[in-house]
C-alpha atoms as a PDB file:
ATOM      1  CA  MET A   1     -33.637  -9.753 -20.957  1.00  0.00           C
ATOM      2  CA  MET A   2     -34.454 -12.209 -18.168  1.00  0.00           C
ATOM      3  CA  GLU A   3     -31.679 -14.432 -16.820  1.00  0.00           C
ATOM      4  CA  THR A   4     -33.210 -17.627 -18.244  1.00  0.00           C
ATOM      5  CA  GLU A   5     -33.648 -15.960 -21.634  1.00  0.00           C
ATOM      6  CA  LYS A   6     -30.019 -14.817 -21.565  1.00  0.00           C
ATOM      7  CA  ASN A   7     -28.828 -18.357 -20.710  1.00  0.00           C
ATOM      8  CA  LYS A   8     -30.682 -19.660 -23.744  1.00  0.00           C
ATOM      9  CA  TYR A   9     -28.035 -18.054 -25.968  1.00  0.00           C
ATOM     10  CA  LEU A  10     -25.053 -18.540 -23.671  1.00  0.00           C
ATOM     11  CA  PHE A  11     -22.068 -20.009 -25.520  1.00  0.00           C
ATOM     12  CA  ASP A  12     -23.834 -19.874 -28.909  1.00  0.00           C
ATOM     13  CA  GLU A  13     -20.563 -18.945 -30.610  1.00  0.00           C
ATOM     14  CA  TYR A  14     -19.173 -22.343 -29.573  1.00  0.00           C
ATOM     15  CA  ILE A  15     -22.333 -24.372 -30.100  1.00  0.00           C
ATOM     16  CA  HIS A  16     -22.602 -23.128 -33.688  1.00  0.00           C
ATOM     17  CA  GLY A  17     -18.857 -23.276 -34.290  1.00  0.00           C
ATOM     18  CA  ASP A  18     -16.813 -25.839 -36.182  1.00  0.00           C
ATOM     19  CA  ASP A  19     -14.896 -27.419 -33.288  1.00  0.00           C
ATOM     20  CA  PRO A  20     -16.781 -30.508 -32.027  1.00  0.00           C
ATOM     21  CA  GLU A  21     -14.909 -30.603 -28.696  1.00  0.00           C
ATOM     22  CA  LYS A  22     -15.705 -26.971 -27.935  1.00  0.00           C
ATOM     23  CA  ARG A  23     -19.296 -27.567 -29.030  1.00  0.00           C
ATOM     24  CA  ALA A  24     -19.669 -30.510 -26.640  1.00  0.00           C
ATOM     25  CA  ARG A  25     -18.153 -28.610 -23.704  1.00  0.00           C
ATOM     26  CA  ALA A  26     -20.361 -25.578 -24.443  1.00  0.00           C
ATOM     27  CA  GLU A  27     -23.478 -27.735 -24.595  1.00  0.00           C
ATOM     28  CA  ASN A  28     -22.562 -29.366 -21.273  1.00  0.00           C
ATOM     29  CA  TRP A  29     -22.069 -25.980 -19.629  1.00  0.00           C
ATOM     30  CA  ARG A  30     -25.324 -24.654 -21.048  1.00  0.00           C
ATOM     31  CA  VAL A  31     -27.222 -27.657 -19.672  1.00  0.00           C
ATOM     32  CA  ALA A  32     -25.578 -27.298 -16.246  1.00  0.00           C
ATOM     33  CA  ILE A  33     -26.374 -23.590 -16.083  1.00  0.00           C
ATOM     34  CA  GLY A  34     -29.904 -24.255 -17.328  1.00  0.00           C
ATOM     35  CA  LEU A  35     -30.460 -26.780 -14.549  1.00  0.00           C
ATOM     36  CA  GLN A  36     -29.517 -24.089 -12.045  1.00  0.00           C
ATOM     37  CA  ALA A  37     -32.047 -21.749 -13.670  1.00  0.00           C
ATOM     38  CA  VAL A  38     -34.796 -24.363 -13.272  1.00  0.00           C
ATOM     39  CA  ASP A  39     -34.328 -23.979  -9.519  1.00  0.00           C
ATOM     40  CA  ARG A  40     -34.310 -20.188  -9.947  1.00  0.00           C
ATOM     41  CA  LEU A  41     -30.613 -20.012  -9.183  1.00  0.00           C
ATOM     42  CA  THR A  42     -28.241 -17.821 -11.128  1.00  0.00           C
ATOM     43  CA  VAL A  43     -24.591 -18.502 -11.735  1.00  0.00           C
ATOM     44  CA  SER A  44     -21.866 -15.963 -11.154  1.00  0.00           C
ATOM     45  CA  ASP A  45     -19.961 -14.142 -13.845  1.00  0.00           C
ATOM     46  CA  TYR A  46     -16.893 -15.859 -12.389  1.00  0.00           C
ATOM     47  CA  LEU A  47     -18.333 -19.285 -13.210  1.00  0.00           C
ATOM     48  CA  ILE A  48     -19.186 -18.174 -16.741  1.00  0.00           C
ATOM     49  CA  GLN A  49     -15.608 -16.924 -17.204  1.00  0.00           C
ATOM     50  CA  LEU A  50     -14.249 -20.267 -16.003  1.00  0.00           C
ATOM     51  CA  ALA A  51     -16.691 -22.113 -18.256  1.00  0.00           C
ATOM     52  CA  ARG A  52     -15.426 -20.146 -21.258  1.00  0.00           C
ATOM     53  CA  ARG A  53     -11.833 -20.983 -20.334  1.00  0.00           C
ATOM     54  CA  ASN A  54     -12.821 -24.659 -20.094  1.00  0.00           C
ATOM     55  CA  ILE A  55     -14.618 -24.554 -23.435  1.00  0.00           C
ATOM     56  CA  GLU A  56     -11.532 -22.983 -25.025  1.00  0.00           C
ATOM     57  CA  GLY A  57      -9.421 -25.829 -23.614  1.00  0.00           C
ATOM     58  CA  GLU A  58      -7.421 -23.514 -21.377  1.00  0.00           C
ATOM     59  CA  LEU A  59      -8.670 -25.235 -18.187  1.00  0.00           C
ATOM     60  CA  SER A  60      -9.726 -28.821 -17.536  1.00  0.00           C
ATOM     61  CA  ILE A  61     -12.977 -29.466 -15.702  1.00  0.00           C
ATOM     62  CA  ASP A  62     -10.929 -30.539 -12.664  1.00  0.00           C
ATOM     63  CA  GLU A  63      -9.079 -27.219 -12.727  1.00  0.00           C
ATOM     64  CA  VAL A  64     -12.397 -25.362 -12.954  1.00  0.00           C
ATOM     65  CA  ARG A  65     -13.720 -27.321  -9.972  1.00  0.00           C
ATOM     66  CA  GLU A  66     -10.594 -26.511  -7.939  1.00  0.00           C
ATOM     67  CA  LEU A  67     -10.744 -22.803  -8.803  1.00  0.00           C
ATOM     68  CA  ILE A  68     -14.410 -22.662  -7.793  1.00  0.00           C
ATOM     69  CA  ASP A  69     -13.679 -24.434  -4.495  1.00  0.00           C
ATOM     70  CA  VAL A  70     -10.831 -22.037  -3.693  1.00  0.00           C
ATOM     71  CA  HIS A  71     -12.905 -19.011  -4.715  1.00  0.00           C
ATOM     72  CA  TYR A  72     -15.793 -19.862  -2.406  1.00  0.00           C
ATOM     73  CA  LYS A  73     -13.559 -20.909   0.498  1.00  0.00           C
ATOM     74  CA  LYS A  74     -12.047 -17.412   0.360  1.00  0.00           C
ATOM     75  CA  LYS A  75     -15.529 -15.873   0.526  1.00  0.00           C
ATOM     76  CA  LYS A  76     -16.368 -17.597   3.837  1.00  0.00           C
END
Protein backbone atom coordinates (compact mmCIF):
# COMPACT_ATOMS: atom_id res chain seq x y z
CA MET A 1 0.00 0.00 0.00
CA MET A 2 1.38 3.42 -0.95
CA GLU A 3 2.07 5.94 1.81
CA THR A 4 -0.75 8.27 0.72
CA GLU A 5 -3.18 5.35 0.56
CA LYS A 6 -2.13 4.26 4.05
CA ASN A 7 -2.65 7.81 5.41
CA LYS A 8 -6.18 7.75 4.04
CA TYR A 9 -7.14 5.30 6.80
CA LEU A 10 -4.85 6.65 9.51
CA PHE A 11 -6.70 7.14 12.81
CA ASP A 12 -9.94 5.63 11.46
CA GLU A 13 -10.62 4.00 14.82
CA TYR A 14 -10.90 7.49 16.34
CA ILE A 15 -12.66 9.18 13.44
CA HIS A 16 -15.41 6.55 13.50
CA GLY A 17 -15.48 6.35 17.29
CA ASP A 18 -17.95 7.83 19.75
CA ASP A 19 -15.73 10.44 21.42
CA PRO A 20 -16.14 13.81 19.65
CA GLU A 21 -12.92 15.26 21.11
CA LYS A 22 -10.84 12.30 19.94
CA ARG A 23 -12.59 12.46 16.57
CA ALA A 24 -11.71 16.14 16.14
CA ARG A 25 -8.06 15.62 17.14
CA ALA A 26 -7.79 12.61 14.81
CA GLU A 27 -9.26 14.57 11.91
CA ASN A 28 -6.82 17.42 12.55
CA TRP A 29 -3.87 15.03 12.57
CA ARG A 30 -5.06 13.30 9.41
CA VAL A 31 -5.33 16.64 7.61
CA ALA A 32 -1.87 17.72 8.80
CA ILE A 33 -0.30 14.44 7.70
CA GLY A 34 -2.20 14.60 4.40
CA LEU A 35 -0.82 18.07 3.72
CA GLN A 36 2.68 16.66 4.14
CA ALA A 37 1.82 13.91 1.65
CA VAL A 38 0.71 16.51 -0.92
CA ASP A 39 4.31 17.73 -0.93
CA ARG A 40 5.50 14.11 -1.16
CA LEU A 41 6.78 14.19 2.39
CA THR A 42 6.27 11.33 4.80
CA VAL A 43 5.96 11.62 8.54
CA SER A 44 7.92 9.50 10.96
CA ASP A 45 6.53 6.68 13.03
CA TYR A 46 7.56 8.78 16.02
CA LEU A 47 5.20 11.57 14.97
CA ILE A 48 2.37 9.10 14.46
CA GLN A 49 2.97 7.70 17.96
CA LEU A 50 2.87 11.20 19.42
CA ALA A 51 -0.27 11.98 17.42
CA ARG A 52 -1.98 8.91 18.88
CA ARG A 53 -0.98 9.98 22.39
CA ASN A 54 -2.43 13.44 21.67
CA ILE A 55 -5.64 11.98 20.29
CA GLU A 56 -5.99 9.82 23.41
CA GLY A 57 -5.59 12.95 25.55
CA GLU A 58 -2.34 11.74 27.08
CA LEU A 59 -0.36 14.67 25.60
CA SER A 60 -1.41 18.22 24.76
CA ILE A 61 -0.48 19.65 21.37
CA ASP A 62 2.10 21.85 23.12
CA GLU A 63 3.67 18.78 24.70
CA VAL A 64 3.77 17.07 21.29
CA ARG A 65 5.45 20.13 19.78
CA GLU A 66 8.06 20.18 22.56
CA LEU A 67 8.79 16.45 22.23
CA ILE A 68 9.24 16.83 18.47
CA ASP A 69 11.58 19.81 18.93
CA VAL A 70 13.69 17.91 21.47
CA HIS A 71 13.73 14.78 19.30
CA TYR A 72 15.04 16.58 16.23
CA LYS A 73 17.54 18.70 18.17
CA LYS A 74 19.08 15.44 19.41
CA LYS A 75 19.37 14.19 15.82
CA LYS A 76 21.51 17.16 14.73
